[in-house]
């Protein structure tokens, strides 16, 4: 018999403060997550995208007028580590697609652990944010491929990316992509 494990290790359940003692995701979700909450998570795994002048951006809610007033300005890091405006497509996409995972969540599980380690998070929450960001990358790559099958995208997950704080992720098209 061959066993093919899922993409998220079940060991991560040990980091969950709100655990039910479950050692697998189905019991955890079935006991603690509503169908509305589960569907909302699926919704952010496949966000809306817009294309404007060969630039691709994710949006929480895209509409026909999503590019109205859109300034194609990004940020780049200089050799001295300073941020400066840039109109290069890579810099524009990297900046405008920057998503702070740790700032996104307004609800955190209560914990007796008061030690803040990195980017304002406990060690557990920091690890969970990184796992969450990596899963967003996985699903956003699929969603981008479905919308733009002839383009390639690069992703980055890092702390304090550009002008955002905390665990962040972003994506852009490499120069030879379009």
Protein backbone atom coordinates (compact mmCIF):
# COMPACT_ATOMS: atom_id res chain seq x y z
CA UNK A 1 0.00 0.00 0.00
CA UNK A 2 1.23 3.48 -0.85
CA UNK A 3 0.37 6.47 1.34
CA UNK A 4 0.30 9.97 -0.12
CA UNK A 5 0.20 12.57 2.65
CA UNK A 6 -1.55 15.91 2.33
CA UNK A 7 0.39 19.11 1.77
CA UNK A 8 0.09 20.35 5.37
CA UNK A 9 1.61 18.18 8.06
CA UNK A 10 -0.89 17.14 10.71
CA UNK A 11 1.83 17.85 13.28
CA UNK A 12 0.93 21.53 12.91
CA UNK A 13 -2.23 20.79 14.90
CA UNK A 14 0.06 20.68 17.92
CA UNK A 15 0.60 24.44 17.49
CA UNK A 16 -3.14 25.17 17.58
CA UNK A 17 -4.16 26.84 20.83
CA UNK A 18 -7.82 26.03 20.26
CA UNK A 19 -7.14 22.35 19.73
CA UNK A 20 -9.65 19.65 20.44
CA UNK A 21 -6.95 17.08 20.91
CA UNK A 22 -7.54 16.03 17.34
CA UNK A 23 -4.65 14.64 15.35
CA UNK A 24 -6.27 15.26 11.96
CA UNK A 25 -7.92 18.20 10.20
CA UNK A 26 -11.36 16.75 9.47
CA UNK A 27 -12.34 16.38 13.14
CA UNK A 28 -10.85 19.77 13.98
CA UNK A 29 -12.75 21.57 11.22
CA UNK A 30 -15.93 19.56 11.77
CA UNK A 31 -15.97 20.53 15.46
CA UNK A 32 -14.75 24.14 15.36
CA UNK A 33 -15.39 25.65 11.92
CA UNK A 34 -18.73 26.58 10.37
CA UNK A 35 -19.46 25.93 6.72
CA UNK A 36 -19.51 29.71 6.14
CA UNK A 37 -16.03 30.05 7.64
CA UNK A 38 -14.71 27.17 5.56
CA UNK A 39 -16.14 28.62 2.34
CA UNK A 40 -14.64 32.02 3.15
CA UNK A 41 -11.22 30.38 3.39
CA UNK A 42 -11.74 28.79 -0.02
CA UNK A 43 -12.60 32.26 -1.32
CA UNK A 44 -9.25 33.72 -0.30
CA UNK A 45 -7.42 30.75 -1.80
CA UNK A 46 -8.71 31.93 -5.18
CA UNK A 47 -8.85 35.74 -5.14
CA UNK A 48 -9.91 38.01 -7.97
CA UNK A 49 -7.19 39.22 -10.31
CA UNK A 50 -7.07 42.22 -12.60
CA UNK A 51 -4.79 42.92 -15.52
CA UNK A 52 -3.87 46.47 -16.43
CA UNK A 53 -1.23 47.40 -19.00
CA UNK A 54 0.43 43.95 -18.70
CA UNK A 55 0.49 44.23 -14.90
CA UNK A 56 -1.37 41.62 -12.83
CA UNK A 57 -2.75 42.37 -9.37
CA UNK A 58 -4.83 40.44 -6.84
CA UNK A 59 -7.90 42.12 -5.42
CA UNK A 60 -10.24 41.18 -2.61
CA UNK A 61 -13.13 42.27 -4.83
CA UNK A 62 -12.45 43.12 -8.45
CA UNK A 63 -14.89 45.03 -10.60
CA UNK A 64 -15.00 46.51 -14.09
CA UNK A 65 -13.73 49.83 -12.74
CA UNK A 66 -10.97 48.26 -10.61
CA UNK A 67 -8.29 50.04 -12.62
CA UNK A 68 -9.89 53.47 -12.28
CA UNK A 69 -7.35 55.66 -10.54
CA UNK A 70 -4.82 52.82 -10.36
CA UNK A 71 -1.34 54.30 -10.28
CA UNK A 72 1.35 52.04 -11.66
CA UNK A 73 3.86 52.97 -8.99
CA UNK A 74 5.73 50.55 -6.79
CA UNK A 75 8.64 50.53 -4.40
CA UNK A 76 12.13 49.22 -4.82
CA UNK A 77 14.90 48.74 -2.29
CA UNK A 78 18.04 50.71 -3.09
CA UNK A 79 21.57 49.44 -2.49
CA UNK A 80 21.56 51.33 0.82
CA UNK A 81 18.34 49.60 1.93
CA UNK A 82 16.09 52.61 1.41
CA UNK A 83 12.71 52.40 -0.31
CA UNK A 84 12.18 54.54 -3.37
CA UNK A 85 9.35 54.81 -5.91
CA UNK A 86 9.67 52.81 -9.11
CA UNK A 87 7.61 52.38 -12.26
CA UNK A 88 9.27 49.09 -13.30
CA UNK A 89 6.60 46.39 -13.71
CA UNK A 90 8.34 44.00 -11.30
CA UNK A 91 8.51 46.67 -8.59
CA UNK A 92 4.92 47.80 -9.18
CA UNK A 93 3.53 44.27 -8.98
CA UNK A 94 5.74 43.26 -6.07
CA UNK A 95 4.59 46.33 -4.12
CA UNK A 96 0.90 46.34 -5.02
CA UNK A 97 0.53 42.57 -4.50
CA UNK A 98 2.21 42.69 -1.08
CA UNK A 99 -0.05 41.04 1.49
CA UNK A 100 0.73 41.11 5.21
CA UNK A 101 -0.59 37.80 6.51
CA UNK A 102 0.04 38.64 10.16
CA UNK A 103 -1.79 41.98 9.86
CA UNK A 104 -4.66 40.38 7.94
CA UNK A 105 -5.97 38.44 10.93
CA UNK A 106 -7.86 40.46 13.51
CA UNK A 107 -8.78 37.41 15.58
CA UNK A 108 -6.12 35.40 17.38
CA UNK A 109 -6.62 32.46 19.67
CA UNK A 110 -6.24 33.20 23.37
CA UNK A 111 -3.00 31.87 24.69
CA UNK A 112 -1.15 31.90 27.96
CA UNK A 113 2.05 32.42 25.99
CA UNK A 114 2.87 36.10 26.34
CA UNK A 115 6.33 36.02 24.83
CA UNK A 116 6.43 37.93 21.58
CA UNK A 117 9.28 36.73 19.43
CA UNK A 118 9.19 38.09 15.90
CA UNK A 119 7.14 40.70 14.08
CA UNK A 120 4.84 41.11 17.07
CA UNK A 121 3.79 37.45 17.16
CA UNK A 122 4.33 34.54 19.50
CA UNK A 123 6.50 31.75 18.13
CA UNK A 124 3.42 29.62 17.43
CA UNK A 125 1.53 32.38 15.61
CA UNK A 126 4.66 33.27 13.63
CA UNK A 127 5.02 29.65 12.47
CA UNK A 128 1.31 29.42 11.66
CA UNK A 129 1.44 32.65 9.61
CA UNK A 130 4.33 31.27 7.57
CA UNK A 131 2.48 28.00 6.91
CA UNK A 132 -0.62 29.99 5.94
CA UNK A 133 1.43 32.20 3.59
CA UNK A 134 2.99 29.15 1.94
CA UNK A 135 -0.46 27.66 1.37
CA UNK A 136 -1.66 30.93 -0.16
CA UNK A 137 1.33 30.77 -2.51
CA UNK A 138 0.41 27.22 -3.49
CA UNK A 139 -3.21 28.05 -4.30
CA UNK A 140 -2.57 31.49 -5.79
CA UNK A 141 -0.11 29.89 -8.24
CA UNK A 142 -2.90 27.60 -9.40
CA UNK A 143 -5.40 30.47 -9.63
CA UNK A 144 -2.93 32.64 -11.57
CA UNK A 145 -2.15 29.78 -13.95
CA UNK A 146 -5.87 29.29 -14.62
CA UNK A 147 -6.27 33.00 -15.47
CA UNK A 148 -2.90 33.54 -17.19
CA UNK A 149 -1.69 30.16 -18.52
CA UNK A 150 1.05 31.66 -20.69
CA UNK A 151 2.65 33.76 -17.97
CA UNK A 152 4.94 32.93 -15.10
CA UNK A 153 4.90 34.42 -11.63
CA UNK A 154 7.46 34.57 -8.86
CA UNK A 155 6.41 34.53 -5.19
CA UNK A 156 8.17 35.71 -2.06
CA UNK A 157 7.31 35.09 1.59
CA UNK A 158 9.32 37.23 4.00
CA UNK A 159 9.16 39.30 7.17
CA UNK A 160 8.61 43.06 6.88
CA UNK A 161 8.46 43.13 3.09
CA UNK A 162 8.81 46.59 1.56
CA UNK A 163 6.54 48.88 3.61
CA UNK A 164 4.44 46.13 5.22
CA UNK A 165 5.02 44.71 8.68
CA UNK A 166 4.99 41.10 9.76
CA UNK A 167 4.84 37.91 7.73
CA UNK A 168 4.17 38.97 4.14
CA UNK A 169 3.79 37.44 0.73
CA UNK A 170 3.87 38.97 -2.71
CA UNK A 171 4.10 37.96 -6.34
CA UNK A 172 5.19 39.46 -9.63
CA UNK A 173 5.94 38.54 -13.22
CA UNK A 174 9.61 38.14 -14.07
CA UNK A 175 10.86 40.43 -16.83
CA UNK A 176 10.65 37.78 -19.56
CA UNK A 177 7.12 36.66 -18.62
CA UNK A 178 5.05 38.82 -20.98
